[in-house]
C-alpha atoms as a PDB file:
ATOM      1  CA  UNK A   1     -16.212   2.829  -8.404  1.00  0.00           C
ATOM      2  CA  UNK A   2     -13.482   1.866  -5.948  1.00  0.00           C
ATOM      3  CA  UNK A   3     -10.135   0.201  -6.616  1.00  0.00           C
ATOM      4  CA  UNK A   4      -7.852  -1.344  -4.001  1.00  0.00           C
ATOM      5  CA  UNK A   5      -4.254  -0.470  -4.843  1.00  0.00           C
ATOM      6  CA  UNK A   6      -1.298  -2.226  -3.287  1.00  0.00           C
ATOM      7  CA  UNK A   7       1.045   0.330  -1.712  1.00  0.00           C
ATOM      8  CA  UNK A   8       4.635  -0.315  -0.596  1.00  0.00           C
ATOM      9  CA  UNK A   9       6.368   1.804   2.038  1.00  0.00           C
ATOM     10  CA  UNK A  10      10.115   1.391   2.548  1.00  0.00           C
ATOM     11  CA  UNK A  11      11.761   2.506   5.779  1.00  0.00           C
ATOM     12  CA  UNK A  12      15.389   3.526   5.946  1.00  0.00           C
ATOM     13  CA  UNK A  13      17.144   5.430   8.722  1.00  0.00           C
ATOM     14  CA  UNK A  14      14.817   8.281   9.680  1.00  0.00           C
ATOM     15  CA  UNK A  15      12.413   8.282   6.751  1.00  0.00           C
ATOM     16  CA  UNK A  16       9.884   6.450   4.611  1.00  0.00           C
ATOM     17  CA  UNK A  17       9.438   6.405   0.867  1.00  0.00           C
ATOM     18  CA  UNK A  18       6.509   4.788  -0.869  1.00  0.00           C
ATOM     19  CA  UNK A  19       5.096   3.873  -4.235  1.00  0.00           C
ATOM     20  CA  UNK A  20       2.093   2.307  -5.943  1.00  0.00           C
ATOM     21  CA  UNK A  21       3.303  -0.325  -8.439  1.00  0.00           C
ATOM     22  CA  UNK A  22       0.171  -0.003 -10.595  1.00  0.00           C
ATOM     23  CA  UNK A  23       0.205   3.808 -10.910  1.00  0.00           C
ATOM     24  CA  UNK A  24       3.398   4.896 -12.694  1.00  0.00           C
ATOM     25  CA  UNK A  25       5.014   7.917 -11.077  1.00  0.00           C
ATOM     26  CA  UNK A  26       2.961   7.656  -7.894  1.00  0.00           C
ATOM     27  CA  UNK A  27       5.638   8.077  -5.223  1.00  0.00           C
ATOM     28  CA  UNK A  28       6.045  10.097  -2.051  1.00  0.00           C
ATOM     29  CA  UNK A  29       8.059  10.287   1.160  1.00  0.00           C
ATOM     30  CA  UNK A  30       7.671  11.223   4.829  1.00  0.00           C
ATOM     31  CA  UNK A  31       9.339  10.961   8.209  1.00  0.00           C
ATOM     32  CA  UNK A  32       6.625   8.895   9.961  1.00  0.00           C
ATOM     33  CA  UNK A  33       4.333   6.088   8.849  1.00  0.00           C
ATOM     34  CA  UNK A  34       1.246   8.143   9.720  1.00  0.00           C
ATOM     35  CA  UNK A  35       2.487  11.049   7.579  1.00  0.00           C
ATOM     36  CA  UNK A  36       3.449   8.580   4.855  1.00  0.00           C
ATOM     37  CA  UNK A  37      -0.075   7.206   4.686  1.00  0.00           C
ATOM     38  CA  UNK A  38      -1.550  10.717   4.400  1.00  0.00           C
ATOM     39  CA  UNK A  39       0.974  11.707   1.736  1.00  0.00           C
ATOM     40  CA  UNK A  40       0.308   8.520  -0.234  1.00  0.00           C
ATOM     41  CA  UNK A  41      -3.444   9.107  -0.322  1.00  0.00           C
ATOM     42  CA  UNK A  42      -2.758  12.627  -1.570  1.00  0.00           C
ATOM     43  CA  UNK A  43      -0.262  11.368  -4.187  1.00  0.00           C
ATOM     44  CA  UNK A  44      -2.747   8.776  -5.467  1.00  0.00           C
ATOM     45  CA  UNK A  45      -5.508  11.387  -5.722  1.00  0.00           C
ATOM     46  CA  UNK A  46      -3.201  13.767  -7.618  1.00  0.00           C
ATOM     47  CA  UNK A  47      -2.069  11.057 -10.047  1.00  0.00           C
ATOM     48  CA  UNK A  48      -5.645   9.946 -10.722  1.00  0.00           C
ATOM     49  CA  UNK A  49      -6.780  13.568 -11.206  1.00  0.00           C
ATOM     50  CA  UNK A  50      -3.912  14.115 -13.668  1.00  0.00           C
ATOM     51  CA  UNK A  51      -4.793  10.990 -15.635  1.00  0.00           C
ATOM     52  CA  UNK A  52      -8.458  12.022 -15.804  1.00  0.00           C
ATOM     53  CA  UNK A  53      -7.600  15.561 -16.905  1.00  0.00           C
ATOM     54  CA  UNK A  54      -5.404  14.321 -19.750  1.00  0.00           C
ATOM     55  CA  UNK A  55      -8.052  11.807 -20.851  1.00  0.00           C
ATOM     56  CA  UNK A  56      -6.005   8.731 -19.948  1.00  0.00           C
ATOM     57  CA  UNK A  57      -7.468   5.626 -18.390  1.00  0.00           C
ATOM     58  CA  UNK A  58      -6.864   5.112 -14.683  1.00  0.00           C
ATOM     59  CA  UNK A  59      -4.934   1.824 -14.361  1.00  0.00           C
ATOM     60  CA  UNK A  60      -6.752  -1.023 -12.683  1.00  0.00           C
ATOM     61  CA  UNK A  61      -5.016  -2.733  -9.788  1.00  0.00           C
ATOM     62  CA  UNK A  62      -2.959  -5.675 -11.033  1.00  0.00           C
ATOM     63  CA  UNK A  63      -0.248  -6.102  -8.385  1.00  0.00           C
ATOM     64  CA  UNK A  64      -1.116  -8.218  -5.363  1.00  0.00           C
ATOM     65  CA  UNK A  65       2.281  -9.561  -4.327  1.00  0.00           C
ATOM     66  CA  UNK A  66       5.636  -7.967  -3.634  1.00  0.00           C
ATOM     67  CA  UNK A  67       9.095  -9.522  -3.762  1.00  0.00           C
ATOM     68  CA  UNK A  68      11.619  -7.939  -1.426  1.00  0.00           C
ATOM     69  CA  UNK A  69      15.272  -7.929  -2.462  1.00  0.00           C
ATOM     70  CA  UNK A  70      17.878  -9.126  -0.002  1.00  0.00           C
ATOM     71  CA  UNK A  71      20.553  -6.668   1.129  1.00  0.00           C
ATOM     72  CA  UNK A  72      18.669  -3.678  -0.246  1.00  0.00           C
ATOM     73  CA  UNK A  73      19.511  -1.268   2.573  1.00  0.00           C
ATOM     74  CA  UNK A  74      15.850  -1.059   3.531  1.00  0.00           C
ATOM     75  CA  UNK A  75      15.281  -1.594   7.263  1.00  0.00           C
ATOM     76  CA  UNK A  76      11.708  -2.835   6.749  1.00  0.00           C
ATOM     77  CA  UNK A  77       8.709  -2.589   4.441  1.00  0.00           C
ATOM     78  CA  UNK A  78       5.050  -1.921   5.131  1.00  0.00           C
ATOM     79  CA  UNK A  79       2.598  -3.155   2.514  1.00  0.00           C
ATOM     80  CA  UNK A  80      -1.112  -2.381   2.512  1.00  0.00           C
ATOM     81  CA  UNK A  81      -4.107  -2.067   0.242  1.00  0.00           C
ATOM     82  CA  UNK A  82      -5.596   1.407  -0.080  1.00  0.00           C
ATOM     83  CA  UNK A  83      -9.217   1.737  -1.164  1.00  0.00           C
ATOM     84  CA  UNK A  84      -9.512   4.586  -3.680  1.00  0.00           C
ATOM     85  CA  UNK A  85     -12.583   6.084  -5.349  1.00  0.00           C
ATOM     86  CA  UNK A  86     -11.940   6.177  -9.104  1.00  0.00           C
ATOM     87  CA  UNK A  87     -14.237   7.870 -11.611  1.00  0.00           C
ATOM     88  CA  UNK A  88     -15.789   5.526 -14.138  1.00  0.00           C
ATOM     89  CA  UNK A  89     -14.612   5.845 -17.751  1.00  0.00           C
ATOM     90  CA  UNK A  90     -17.715   7.659 -18.997  1.00  0.00           C
ATOM     91  CA  UNK A  91     -17.712  10.073 -16.088  1.00  0.00           C
ATOM     92  CA  UNK A  92     -14.008  10.779 -16.679  1.00  0.00           C
ATOM     93  CA  UNK A  93     -14.842  12.253 -20.064  1.00  0.00           C
ATOM     94  CA  UNK A  94     -17.699  14.360 -18.693  1.00  0.00           C
ATOM     95  CA  UNK A  95     -15.459  15.663 -15.903  1.00  0.00           C
ATOM     96  CA  UNK A  96     -12.866  16.707 -18.471  1.00  0.00           C
ATOM     97  CA  UNK A  97     -15.506  18.387 -20.654  1.00  0.00           C
ATOM     98  CA  UNK A  98     -16.981  20.311 -17.734  1.00  0.00           C
ATOM     99  CA  UNK A  99     -13.517  21.412 -16.626  1.00  0.00           C
ATOM    100  CA  UNK A 100     -12.679  22.660 -20.109  1.00  0.00           C
ATOM    101  CA  UNK A 101     -16.026  24.481 -20.390  1.00  0.00           C
ATOM    102  CA  UNK A 102     -15.668  26.108 -16.945  1.00  0.00           C
END
């Protein structure tokens, strides 16, 4: 199954930082937008793998709008939806079992 997560990238002088509002702890940084996008896909995959391994549910996307604060020090934001393959709940458990058996 695929989920479309909203991702926010913030640009300040010389670097980007980014986060996924619906996946707690899913953050990363980079010096270019291209690198940021690669790092974010990797961060999402790692967070989802961690959730699956610990038997937690992968959060469904729930954030579709972003409010930007004034005078935040951010030069600009880039917001996009990233399509992510997420294991279904029943396959999450079988993946965990096979990992533990292996």
